[in-house]
């Protein structure tokens, strides 16, 4: 569930809006905005992504690359395939072209 709070900086006396999403099984997600509408929009979009199962926490997504995922996928899936050579060729080309991209991209 998302909440949006108004926060006033004690140093500058400026207002900002903090959107906070709390979901069971996930760490709390917070982000600050200068406009309330931006905070609500981010909260709505992020909650929708969580519900659809398309949300990846940004820090984890930046830490891992596609190559890391392919290395986990390859031994687990290829042994169950009848003819893994075609799939292996695809994975090799993806690793060469896109392997260094972080998952966040």
C-alpha atoms as a PDB file:
ATOM      1  CA  UNK A   1       0.000   0.000   0.000  1.00  0.00           C
ATOM      2  CA  UNK A   2       1.336   3.420  -0.932  1.00  0.00           C
ATOM      3  CA  UNK A   3       1.296   6.557   1.164  1.00  0.00           C
ATOM      4  CA  UNK A   4       2.357  10.078   0.239  1.00  0.00           C
ATOM      5  CA  UNK A   5       3.628  12.362   3.005  1.00  0.00           C
ATOM      6  CA  UNK A   6       4.499  16.032   2.977  1.00  0.00           C
ATOM      7  CA  UNK A   7       7.904  16.729   4.469  1.00  0.00           C
ATOM      8  CA  UNK A   8       9.385  20.092   5.362  1.00  0.00           C
ATOM      9  CA  UNK A   9      13.157  20.463   5.473  1.00  0.00           C
ATOM     10  CA  UNK A  10      14.316  21.972   8.764  1.00  0.00           C
ATOM     11  CA  UNK A  11      17.300  23.597   7.042  1.00  0.00           C
ATOM     12  CA  UNK A  12      15.729  25.162   3.963  1.00  0.00           C
ATOM     13  CA  UNK A  13      12.075  25.181   5.044  1.00  0.00           C
ATOM     14  CA  UNK A  14      11.116  23.789   1.622  1.00  0.00           C
ATOM     15  CA  UNK A  15       8.404  21.187   1.182  1.00  0.00           C
ATOM     16  CA  UNK A  16       8.906  17.855  -0.525  1.00  0.00           C
ATOM     17  CA  UNK A  17       6.679  14.836  -0.984  1.00  0.00           C
ATOM     18  CA  UNK A  18       7.739  11.326  -0.036  1.00  0.00           C
ATOM     19  CA  UNK A  19       6.035   8.349  -1.636  1.00  0.00           C
ATOM     20  CA  UNK A  20       6.364   5.164   0.381  1.00  0.00           C
ATOM     21  CA  UNK A  21       5.287   1.668  -0.642  1.00  0.00           C
ATOM     22  CA  UNK A  22       5.117  -1.125   1.894  1.00  0.00           C
ATOM     23  CA  UNK A  23       4.477  -4.653   0.663  1.00  0.00           C
ATOM     24  CA  UNK A  24       4.889  -7.925   2.484  1.00  0.00           C
ATOM     25  CA  UNK A  25       7.994  -9.746   1.334  1.00  0.00           C
ATOM     26  CA  UNK A  26       9.628  -6.655  -0.172  1.00  0.00           C
ATOM     27  CA  UNK A  27      11.778  -3.954   1.376  1.00  0.00           C
ATOM     28  CA  UNK A  28      10.104  -0.580   1.887  1.00  0.00           C
ATOM     29  CA  UNK A  29      10.366   1.555  -1.240  1.00  0.00           C
ATOM     30  CA  UNK A  30      10.618   5.312  -0.841  1.00  0.00           C
ATOM     31  CA  UNK A  31      11.308   8.166  -3.191  1.00  0.00           C
ATOM     32  CA  UNK A  32      11.096  11.943  -2.717  1.00  0.00           C
ATOM     33  CA  UNK A  33       9.585  14.428  -5.151  1.00  0.00           C
ATOM     34  CA  UNK A  34       9.047  18.160  -5.334  1.00  0.00           C
ATOM     35  CA  UNK A  35       5.440  17.752  -6.541  1.00  0.00           C
ATOM     36  CA  UNK A  36       2.700  15.688  -4.940  1.00  0.00           C
ATOM     37  CA  UNK A  37       1.343  14.539  -8.300  1.00  0.00           C
ATOM     38  CA  UNK A  38       4.735  13.096  -9.247  1.00  0.00           C
ATOM     39  CA  UNK A  39       4.880  11.187  -5.970  1.00  0.00           C
ATOM     40  CA  UNK A  40       1.391   9.734  -6.492  1.00  0.00           C
ATOM     41  CA  UNK A  41       2.166   8.791 -10.086  1.00  0.00           C
ATOM     42  CA  UNK A  42       5.405   7.009  -9.118  1.00  0.00           C
ATOM     43  CA  UNK A  43       3.630   5.147  -6.317  1.00  0.00           C
ATOM     44  CA  UNK A  44       0.801   4.031  -8.611  1.00  0.00           C
ATOM     45  CA  UNK A  45       3.162   2.873 -11.364  1.00  0.00           C
ATOM     46  CA  UNK A  46       5.437   1.033  -8.958  1.00  0.00           C
ATOM     47  CA  UNK A  47       2.546  -0.703  -7.221  1.00  0.00           C
ATOM     48  CA  UNK A  48       1.138  -1.767 -10.589  1.00  0.00           C
ATOM     49  CA  UNK A  49       4.526  -3.198 -11.589  1.00  0.00           C
ATOM     50  CA  UNK A  50       4.684  -5.148  -8.326  1.00  0.00           C
ATOM     51  CA  UNK A  51       1.203  -6.596  -8.894  1.00  0.00           C
ATOM     52  CA  UNK A  52       2.077  -7.611 -12.478  1.00  0.00           C
ATOM     53  CA  UNK A  53       5.316  -9.178 -11.250  1.00  0.00           C
ATOM     54  CA  UNK A  54       7.460  -6.848 -13.356  1.00  0.00           C
ATOM     55  CA  UNK A  55       9.079  -4.953 -10.519  1.00  0.00           C
ATOM     56  CA  UNK A  56      12.789  -5.493  -9.955  1.00  0.00           C
ATOM     57  CA  UNK A  57      14.396  -3.518  -7.151  1.00  0.00           C
ATOM     58  CA  UNK A  58      16.743  -1.060  -8.827  1.00  0.00           C
ATOM     59  CA  UNK A  59      19.810  -1.765  -6.725  1.00  0.00           C
ATOM     60  CA  UNK A  60      19.693  -5.485  -7.497  1.00  0.00           C
ATOM     61  CA  UNK A  61      18.978  -4.835 -11.154  1.00  0.00           C
ATOM     62  CA  UNK A  62      22.029  -2.584 -11.443  1.00  0.00           C
ATOM     63  CA  UNK A  63      24.253  -5.053  -9.628  1.00  0.00           C
ATOM     64  CA  UNK A  64      23.636  -7.972 -12.015  1.00  0.00           C
ATOM     65  CA  UNK A  65      24.073  -8.217 -15.768  1.00  0.00           C
ATOM     66  CA  UNK A  66      22.316 -10.322 -18.359  1.00  0.00           C
ATOM     67  CA  UNK A  67      25.416 -12.506 -18.508  1.00  0.00           C
ATOM     68  CA  UNK A  68      24.911 -13.434 -14.834  1.00  0.00           C
ATOM     69  CA  UNK A  69      21.339 -14.524 -15.503  1.00  0.00           C
ATOM     70  CA  UNK A  70      22.319 -16.533 -18.564  1.00  0.00           C
ATOM     71  CA  UNK A  71      24.995 -18.355 -16.566  1.00  0.00           C
ATOM     72  CA  UNK A  72      22.328 -19.446 -14.076  1.00  0.00           C
ATOM     73  CA  UNK A  73      19.837 -20.332 -16.792  1.00  0.00           C
ATOM     74  CA  UNK A  74      22.112 -22.332 -19.062  1.00  0.00           C
ATOM     75  CA  UNK A  75      23.040 -25.405 -16.981  1.00  0.00           C
ATOM     76  CA  UNK A  76      19.594 -25.690 -15.449  1.00  0.00           C
ATOM     77  CA  UNK A  77      17.617 -25.629 -18.697  1.00  0.00           C
ATOM     78  CA  UNK A  78      19.955 -27.090 -21.311  1.00  0.00           C
ATOM     79  CA  UNK A  79      20.210 -30.493 -19.664  1.00  0.00           C
ATOM     80  CA  UNK A  80      16.432 -30.990 -19.985  1.00  0.00           C
ATOM     81  CA  UNK A  81      16.247 -30.108 -23.683  1.00  0.00           C
ATOM     82  CA  UNK A  82      16.207 -32.801 -26.322  1.00  0.00           C
ATOM     83  CA  UNK A  83      18.338 -30.760 -28.741  1.00  0.00           C
ATOM     84  CA  UNK A  84      20.076 -27.921 -26.849  1.00  0.00           C
ATOM     85  CA  UNK A  85      22.400 -26.807 -29.668  1.00  0.00           C
ATOM     86  CA  UNK A  86      20.067 -24.228 -31.169  1.00  0.00           C
ATOM     87  CA  UNK A  87      19.306 -22.729 -27.767  1.00  0.00           C
ATOM     88  CA  UNK A  88      23.011 -22.702 -26.910  1.00  0.00           C
ATOM     89  CA  UNK A  89      23.777 -20.803 -30.120  1.00  0.00           C
ATOM     90  CA  UNK A  90      21.166 -18.158 -29.227  1.00  0.00           C
ATOM     91  CA  UNK A  91      22.452 -17.818 -25.671  1.00  0.00           C
ATOM     92  CA  UNK A  92      26.019 -17.409 -26.911  1.00  0.00           C
ATOM     93  CA  UNK A  93      25.071 -14.613 -29.300  1.00  0.00           C
ATOM     94  CA  UNK A  94      23.000 -12.852 -26.624  1.00  0.00           C
ATOM     95  CA  UNK A  95      25.887 -13.098 -24.201  1.00  0.00           C
ATOM     96  CA  UNK A  96      28.247 -11.497 -26.758  1.00  0.00           C
ATOM     97  CA  UNK A  97      25.903  -8.669 -27.782  1.00  0.00           C
ATOM     98  CA  UNK A  98      23.992  -7.911 -24.574  1.00  0.00           C
ATOM     99  CA  UNK A  99      25.882  -9.702 -21.802  1.00  0.00           C
ATOM    100  CA  UNK A 100      27.354  -6.618 -20.151  1.00  0.00           C
ATOM    101  CA  UNK A 101      24.025  -4.743 -19.904  1.00  0.00           C
ATOM    102  CA  UNK A 102      22.700  -4.394 -16.358  1.00  0.00           C
ATOM    103  CA  UNK A 103      19.259  -5.878 -15.780  1.00  0.00           C
ATOM    104  CA  UNK A 104      17.883  -2.427 -15.009  1.00  0.00           C
ATOM    105  CA  UNK A 105      18.288  -1.561 -18.701  1.00  0.00           C
END
